Amino acid sequence: MDTQQPKTILLTGATGYVGGRLLPALLEHGHRVRALARRPERAELPGEVEVVAGDVIKGRGLERALDGVDVAYYLVHSMGRGSGSTAEFAANDRKGAANFGRAAKAAGVRRVIYLGGLDAGEDHASEHLQSRHETAEVLREHVDELVYVRAAMILGQGSASFEMLSHLVRRLPAMLTPKWVDTRSQPVAIRDVVSTLHALADLPDVPAEVELGGADVLTYREMMQRFAVVAGKRAPTIVKVPVLSPRLSSYWVSLFTPVEAGLVRPLVDGMSAETVVRTPPPPGINPHPLGFEEAVREALDGKAA
């Protein structure tokens, strides 16, 4: 793969949170970007982006979207959105990944970059994290060069996890939480996620997996306390209640945050799993990640990636 010349890149999820921030970086680097959209008429994208109608779950439009593509980003997931059970969403994600993987192979696209979650171990992974991992496994069955980027909680304005954290700290002087409040995680700035995804399109040799985290490993309790300091708020009083179920926890989170109700339960379930980087990225990939406070400060200032 020629790393010096602009590439033709297919970006799925271009209107989503991460994809929407990755798109400008790809354009600024001179790449030709094609976006796959279920409803092109609703996709408010820059004029230089070629928009192709398609749907990964239905397998529609993929042949045209992947034609002549050098690198494809798979930033699609259905978990937690709309109606239906967790099992239905997981099945849809597997189906979408299989359709995309087969189409990419038929089109001769060697490199696909997929963003999932950090490994929490089989005994601790939530259904949400397990589904994201299954998506990677399905893609790898078909794609010659799958780069599986595994990120912890993403810190940035518009990230569902970040918005949940922000509103809980800002709105609640005290809260009852289950034992996940003392689970460790390694939250990563959206800036670092975008720069890593961007870099992986140009590297001549890429690893099969990249674990991505920020500079700090913190419990959710510590995150809320540090967030309050950065935001100039009083840290909420946190009372850990071991018997509080994820379902009940999801209900009160939904009451006090604007996060889409269907996303809250998977996010809360994922908080019970420790998500920290166990294998550092190869040299040159995310070498100087932002710390928690700096990432929060950027998010609150509304800075883009």
Protein backbone atom coordinates (compact mmCIF):
# COMPACT_ATOMS: atom_id res chain seq x y z
CA MET A 1 0.00 0.00 0.00
CA ASP A 2 1.40 3.39 -1.04
CA THR A 3 1.42 5.52 2.11
CA GLN A 4 2.51 8.73 0.35
CA GLN A 5 -0.40 9.19 -2.04
CA PRO A 6 -3.95 10.24 -1.14
CA LYS A 7 -6.27 7.28 -0.87
CA THR A 8 -9.87 6.55 -1.65
CA ILE A 9 -11.44 5.91 1.73
CA LEU A 10 -14.88 4.58 2.58
CA LEU A 11 -16.14 5.97 5.86
CA THR A 12 -19.17 4.29 7.40
CA GLY A 13 -20.68 6.15 10.33
CA ALA A 14 -19.65 9.51 8.84
CA THR A 15 -22.59 11.25 10.53
CA GLY A 16 -21.92 9.58 13.88
CA TYR A 17 -19.88 10.84 16.81
CA VAL A 18 -16.45 9.43 15.98
CA GLY A 19 -16.92 9.35 12.21
CA GLY A 20 -18.03 12.97 12.17
CA ARG A 21 -14.74 13.99 13.77
CA LEU A 22 -12.59 11.67 11.71
CA LEU A 23 -14.00 12.96 8.41
CA PRO A 24 -12.38 16.45 8.52
CA ALA A 25 -9.00 14.93 9.37
CA LEU A 26 -9.17 12.63 6.35
CA LEU A 27 -10.17 15.47 4.04
CA GLU A 28 -7.44 17.76 5.36
CA HIS A 29 -4.90 15.05 4.58
CA GLY A 30 -6.03 15.03 0.96
CA HIS A 31 -7.84 11.70 0.94
CA ARG A 32 -10.84 11.11 -1.32
CA VAL A 33 -13.64 10.24 1.08
CA ARG A 34 -16.77 8.30 0.25
CA ALA A 35 -19.49 7.99 2.89
CA LEU A 36 -22.08 5.23 3.18
CA ALA A 37 -25.44 6.51 4.38
CA ARG A 38 -28.82 4.87 4.75
CA ARG A 39 -30.51 8.19 3.94
CA PRO A 40 -28.17 10.29 1.80
CA GLU A 41 -30.68 13.12 1.64
CA ARG A 42 -30.31 13.59 5.40
CA ALA A 43 -26.53 13.35 5.50
CA GLU A 44 -25.20 16.87 5.99
CA LEU A 45 -21.64 16.31 4.78
CA PRO A 46 -19.07 18.52 3.00
CA GLY A 47 -19.56 18.87 -0.73
CA GLU A 48 -16.31 17.09 -1.57
CA VAL A 49 -17.56 13.89 0.10
CA GLU A 50 -19.14 11.35 -2.23
CA VAL A 51 -22.24 9.98 -0.53
CA VAL A 52 -23.46 6.50 -1.49
CA ALA A 53 -26.80 5.09 -0.38
CA GLY A 54 -26.45 1.79 1.43
CA ASP A 55 -27.23 -0.30 4.48
CA VAL A 56 -24.80 -2.83 5.97
CA ILE A 57 -27.51 -4.89 7.68
CA LYS A 58 -29.52 -5.22 4.48
CA GLY A 59 -26.36 -5.56 2.41
CA ARG A 60 -27.56 -2.80 0.12
CA GLY A 61 -25.22 -0.49 -1.80
CA LEU A 62 -21.99 -2.08 -0.56
CA GLU A 63 -20.62 -3.11 -3.94
CA ARG A 64 -20.79 0.44 -5.24
CA ALA A 65 -19.55 1.96 -1.98
CA LEU A 66 -16.46 -0.26 -1.83
CA ASP A 67 -15.51 -0.09 -5.50
CA GLY A 68 -11.96 1.26 -5.88
CA VAL A 69 -11.53 1.80 -2.13
CA ASP A 70 -8.05 1.55 -0.55
CA VAL A 71 -9.07 1.70 3.12
CA ALA A 72 -12.49 1.33 4.76
CA TYR A 73 -13.55 2.41 8.24
CA TYR A 74 -16.24 0.34 9.89
CA LEU A 75 -17.78 2.60 12.54
CA VAL A 76 -21.22 1.04 12.58
CA HIS A 77 -23.08 -0.51 15.48
CA SER A 78 -26.74 -0.87 16.31
CA MET A 79 -26.53 -1.88 19.96
CA GLY A 80 -28.80 0.10 22.24
CA ARG A 81 -30.61 2.11 19.57
CA GLY A 82 -34.24 1.93 18.61
CA SER A 83 -36.42 -0.93 19.76
CA GLY A 84 -35.65 -4.57 20.23
CA SER A 85 -33.71 -6.81 22.58
CA THR A 86 -29.98 -6.98 23.16
CA ALA A 87 -29.91 -10.31 21.32
CA GLU A 88 -31.57 -8.71 18.27
CA PHE A 89 -29.06 -5.87 18.18
CA ALA A 90 -26.15 -8.28 18.52
CA ALA A 91 -27.55 -10.40 15.68
CA ASN A 92 -27.90 -7.30 13.50
CA ASP A 93 -24.31 -6.30 14.23
CA ARG A 94 -23.04 -9.75 13.24
CA LYS A 95 -25.12 -9.68 10.07
CA GLY A 96 -23.92 -6.20 9.13
CA ALA A 97 -20.28 -7.13 9.72
CA ALA A 98 -20.61 -10.28 7.61
CA ASN A 99 -22.23 -8.36 4.75
CA PHE A 100 -19.57 -5.68 4.86
CA GLY A 101 -16.69 -8.13 5.20
CA ARG A 102 -17.81 -10.21 2.24
CA ALA A 103 -18.35 -7.11 0.10
CA ALA A 104 -14.93 -5.70 1.05
CA LYS A 105 -13.22 -8.95 0.10
CA ALA A 106 -15.07 -9.11 -3.23
CA ALA A 107 -14.05 -5.52 -3.97
CA GLY A 108 -10.40 -6.22 -3.18
CA VAL A 109 -10.28 -3.91 -0.15
CA ARG A 110 -7.48 -5.26 2.02
CA ARG A 111 -7.54 -2.88 5.01
CA VAL A 112 -10.59 -2.30 7.18
CA ILE A 113 -10.30 -0.33 10.42
CA TYR A 114 -12.89 -1.11 13.09
CA LEU A 115 -13.46 0.67 16.41
CA GLY A 116 -14.62 -1.46 19.33
CA GLY A 117 -14.12 -1.63 23.09
CA LEU A 118 -11.24 -2.66 25.32
CA ASP A 119 -11.06 -6.28 26.41
CA ALA A 120 -12.56 -6.82 29.85
CA GLY A 121 -12.12 -10.60 29.96
CA GLU A 122 -14.73 -13.24 29.23
CA ASP A 123 -15.88 -13.39 32.84
CA HIS A 124 -16.55 -9.67 33.10
CA ALA A 125 -17.50 -8.39 29.67
CA SER A 126 -20.98 -6.93 29.29
CA GLU A 127 -23.28 -8.06 26.50
CA HIS A 128 -22.54 -4.74 24.80
CA LEU A 129 -18.77 -5.25 24.86
CA GLN A 130 -19.13 -8.89 23.84
CA SER A 131 -21.18 -7.84 20.82
CA ARG A 132 -18.55 -5.30 19.76
CA HIS A 133 -15.91 -8.01 19.96
CA GLU A 134 -18.04 -10.46 17.98
CA THR A 135 -18.32 -7.83 15.24
CA ALA A 136 -14.53 -7.73 14.97
CA GLU A 137 -14.33 -11.52 14.79
CA VAL A 138 -16.89 -11.63 11.98
CA LEU A 139 -15.06 -8.94 10.02
CA ARG A 140 -11.75 -10.77 10.46
CA GLU A 141 -13.21 -13.89 8.85
CA HIS A 142 -13.43 -11.99 5.55
CA VAL A 143 -10.94 -9.11 5.68
CA ASP A 144 -7.25 -9.74 4.99
CA GLU A 145 -6.01 -6.77 7.01
CA LEU A 146 -8.45 -5.91 9.78
CA VAL A 147 -7.18 -3.37 12.30
CA TYR A 148 -9.23 -3.77 15.48
CA VAL A 149 -8.95 -0.58 17.54
CA ARG A 150 -10.11 -1.19 21.10
CA ALA A 151 -10.83 2.00 23.01
CA ALA A 152 -11.93 2.73 26.54
CA MET A 153 -14.58 5.35 27.39
CA ILE A 154 -14.22 8.26 24.96
CA LEU A 155 -14.01 11.75 26.47
CA GLY A 156 -15.47 14.40 24.22
CA GLN A 157 -18.49 16.61 23.79
CA GLY A 158 -21.19 14.46 22.21
CA SER A 159 -19.85 11.11 23.40
CA ALA A 160 -22.71 9.25 25.11
CA SER A 161 -20.46 8.08 27.96
CA PHE A 162 -19.04 11.56 28.49
CA GLU A 163 -22.47 13.22 28.42
CA MET A 164 -23.73 10.73 30.98
CA LEU A 165 -20.80 11.48 33.28
CA SER A 166 -21.15 15.23 32.78
CA HIS A 167 -24.85 15.43 33.57
CA LEU A 168 -24.65 13.17 36.61
CA VAL A 169 -21.94 15.36 38.16
CA ARG A 170 -23.65 18.63 37.23
CA ARG A 171 -27.18 17.70 38.30
CA LEU A 172 -26.88 15.39 41.30
CA PRO A 173 -25.50 16.54 44.67
CA ALA A 174 -25.62 12.93 45.84
CA MET A 175 -26.15 9.58 44.18
CA LEU A 176 -26.57 5.92 45.01
CA THR A 177 -24.41 3.74 42.82
CA PRO A 178 -23.75 0.02 42.47
CA LYS A 179 -20.29 -1.43 42.88
CA TRP A 180 -19.26 -0.32 39.36
CA VAL A 181 -18.44 3.10 40.81
CA ASP A 182 -15.08 1.65 41.90
CA THR A 183 -14.33 -0.17 38.63
CA ARG A 184 -11.17 1.00 36.89
CA SER A 185 -11.13 2.36 33.36
CA GLN A 186 -8.69 4.24 31.13
CA PRO A 187 -10.75 6.96 29.42
CA VAL A 188 -9.31 8.38 26.21
CA ALA A 189 -9.74 11.80 24.57
CA ILE A 190 -11.63 11.95 21.29
CA ARG A 191 -8.61 13.79 19.86
CA ASP A 192 -6.44 10.72 20.50
CA VAL A 193 -9.03 8.34 19.06
CA VAL A 194 -9.29 10.35 15.85
CA SER A 195 -5.53 10.77 15.43
CA THR A 196 -5.02 7.03 15.90
CA LEU A 197 -7.73 6.06 13.42
CA HIS A 198 -6.32 8.54 10.93
CA ALA A 199 -2.74 7.30 11.33
CA LEU A 200 -3.76 3.68 10.75
CA ALA A 201 -4.90 4.48 7.22
CA ASP A 202 -1.39 5.58 6.23
CA LEU A 203 0.91 3.15 8.03
CA PRO A 204 2.54 0.62 5.68
CA ASP A 205 2.36 -2.12 8.31
CA VAL A 206 -0.42 -2.23 10.85
CA PRO A 207 -1.06 -4.40 13.91
CA ALA A 208 -4.08 -6.67 14.10
CA GLU A 209 -5.19 -4.92 17.31
CA VAL A 210 -4.54 -1.56 18.92
CA GLU A 211 -5.52 -0.97 22.55
CA LEU A 212 -6.28 2.68 23.12
CA GLY A 213 -6.47 4.49 26.43
CA GLY A 214 -5.65 7.84 27.96
CA ALA A 215 -2.81 8.78 30.29
CA ASP A 216 -4.78 8.03 33.47
CA VAL A 217 -6.33 4.87 34.92
CA LEU A 218 -9.22 5.91 37.16
CA THR A 219 -12.30 4.51 38.86
CA TYR A 220 -15.63 6.04 37.92
CA ARG A 221 -15.75 7.57 41.40
CA GLU A 222 -12.41 9.29 40.72
CA MET A 223 -13.61 10.43 37.30
CA MET A 224 -16.66 12.13 38.81
CA GLN A 225 -14.56 13.79 41.49
CA ARG A 226 -11.97 15.08 39.00
CA PHE A 227 -14.65 16.12 36.52
CA ALA A 228 -16.28 18.26 39.22
CA VAL A 229 -13.00 20.07 39.90
CA VAL A 230 -12.46 20.86 36.20
CA ALA A 231 -16.08 21.97 35.79
CA GLY A 232 -15.99 24.13 38.90
CA LYS A 233 -18.68 22.08 40.61
CA ARG A 234 -18.94 20.48 44.00
CA ALA A 235 -18.23 16.78 43.75
CA PRO A 236 -21.36 14.70 44.40
CA THR A 237 -21.61 12.56 47.50
CA ILE A 238 -21.43 8.96 46.31
CA VAL A 239 -22.93 6.11 48.30
CA LYS A 240 -22.14 2.65 46.99
CA VAL A 241 -25.06 0.22 47.29
CA PRO A 242 -24.02 -3.34 46.31
CA VAL A 243 -27.62 -4.49 45.79
CA LEU A 244 -28.50 -1.81 43.21
CA SER A 245 -29.07 -3.69 39.94
CA PRO A 246 -27.90 -2.42 36.54
CA ARG A 247 -31.54 -2.10 35.51
CA LEU A 248 -32.42 0.19 38.42
CA SER A 249 -29.20 2.09 37.94
CA SER A 250 -30.11 2.61 34.28
CA TYR A 251 -33.48 4.05 35.25
CA TRP A 252 -32.09 6.84 37.39
CA VAL A 253 -29.32 7.58 34.90
CA SER A 254 -32.03 8.00 32.23
CA LEU A 255 -33.90 10.42 34.47
CA PHE A 256 -30.97 12.77 34.96
CA THR A 257 -29.11 12.65 31.65
CA PRO A 258 -30.07 13.38 28.02
CA VAL A 259 -28.46 10.16 26.76
CA GLU A 260 -30.73 8.12 24.53
CA ALA A 261 -32.62 5.65 26.74
CA GLY A 262 -31.69 2.67 24.61
CA LEU A 263 -27.98 3.44 25.06
CA VAL A 264 -28.02 3.90 28.84
CA ARG A 265 -28.42 0.23 29.80
CA PRO A 266 -25.54 -1.04 27.61
CA LEU A 267 -23.31 1.77 28.88
CA VAL A 268 -24.15 1.05 32.52
CA ASP A 269 -23.64 -2.68 31.98
CA GLY A 270 -20.21 -1.94 30.52
CA MET A 271 -19.19 0.00 33.62
CA SER A 272 -18.99 -3.21 35.61
CA ALA A 273 -16.07 -4.37 33.44
CA GLU A 274 -12.53 -3.12 34.00
CA THR A 275 -11.34 -1.57 30.74
CA VAL A 276 -7.65 -0.73 30.83
CA VAL A 277 -4.86 -1.08 28.28
CA ARG A 278 -2.98 -4.33 28.83
CA THR A 279 -0.88 -4.30 25.67
CA PRO A 280 0.41 -0.80 24.82
CA PRO A 281 0.07 0.35 21.19
CA PRO A 282 3.07 -0.12 18.89
CA PRO A 283 5.62 2.74 18.80
CA GLY A 284 4.28 5.83 17.09
CA ILE A 285 0.60 5.08 17.74
CA ASN A 286 -0.92 7.38 20.38
CA PRO A 287 2.49 8.00 21.98
CA HIS A 288 1.41 10.94 24.16
CA PRO A 289 -2.26 10.54 25.17
CA LEU A 290 -4.01 13.34 27.00
CA GLY A 291 -4.66 13.07 30.70
CA PHE A 292 -8.20 12.98 32.07
CA GLU A 293 -8.40 16.61 33.20
CA GLU A 294 -7.04 17.97 29.93
CA ALA A 295 -9.42 15.83 27.90
CA VAL A 296 -12.38 16.99 30.00
CA ARG A 297 -11.27 20.61 29.70
CA GLU A 298 -11.15 20.32 25.90
CA ALA A 299 -14.58 18.72 25.85
CA LEU A 300 -16.13 21.39 28.05
CA ASP A 301 -14.54 24.10 25.89
CA GLY A 302 -16.22 22.52 22.88
CA LYS A 303 -12.97 21.83 21.06
CA ALA A 304 -13.22 19.42 18.16
CA ALA A 305 -10.78 16.60 17.61
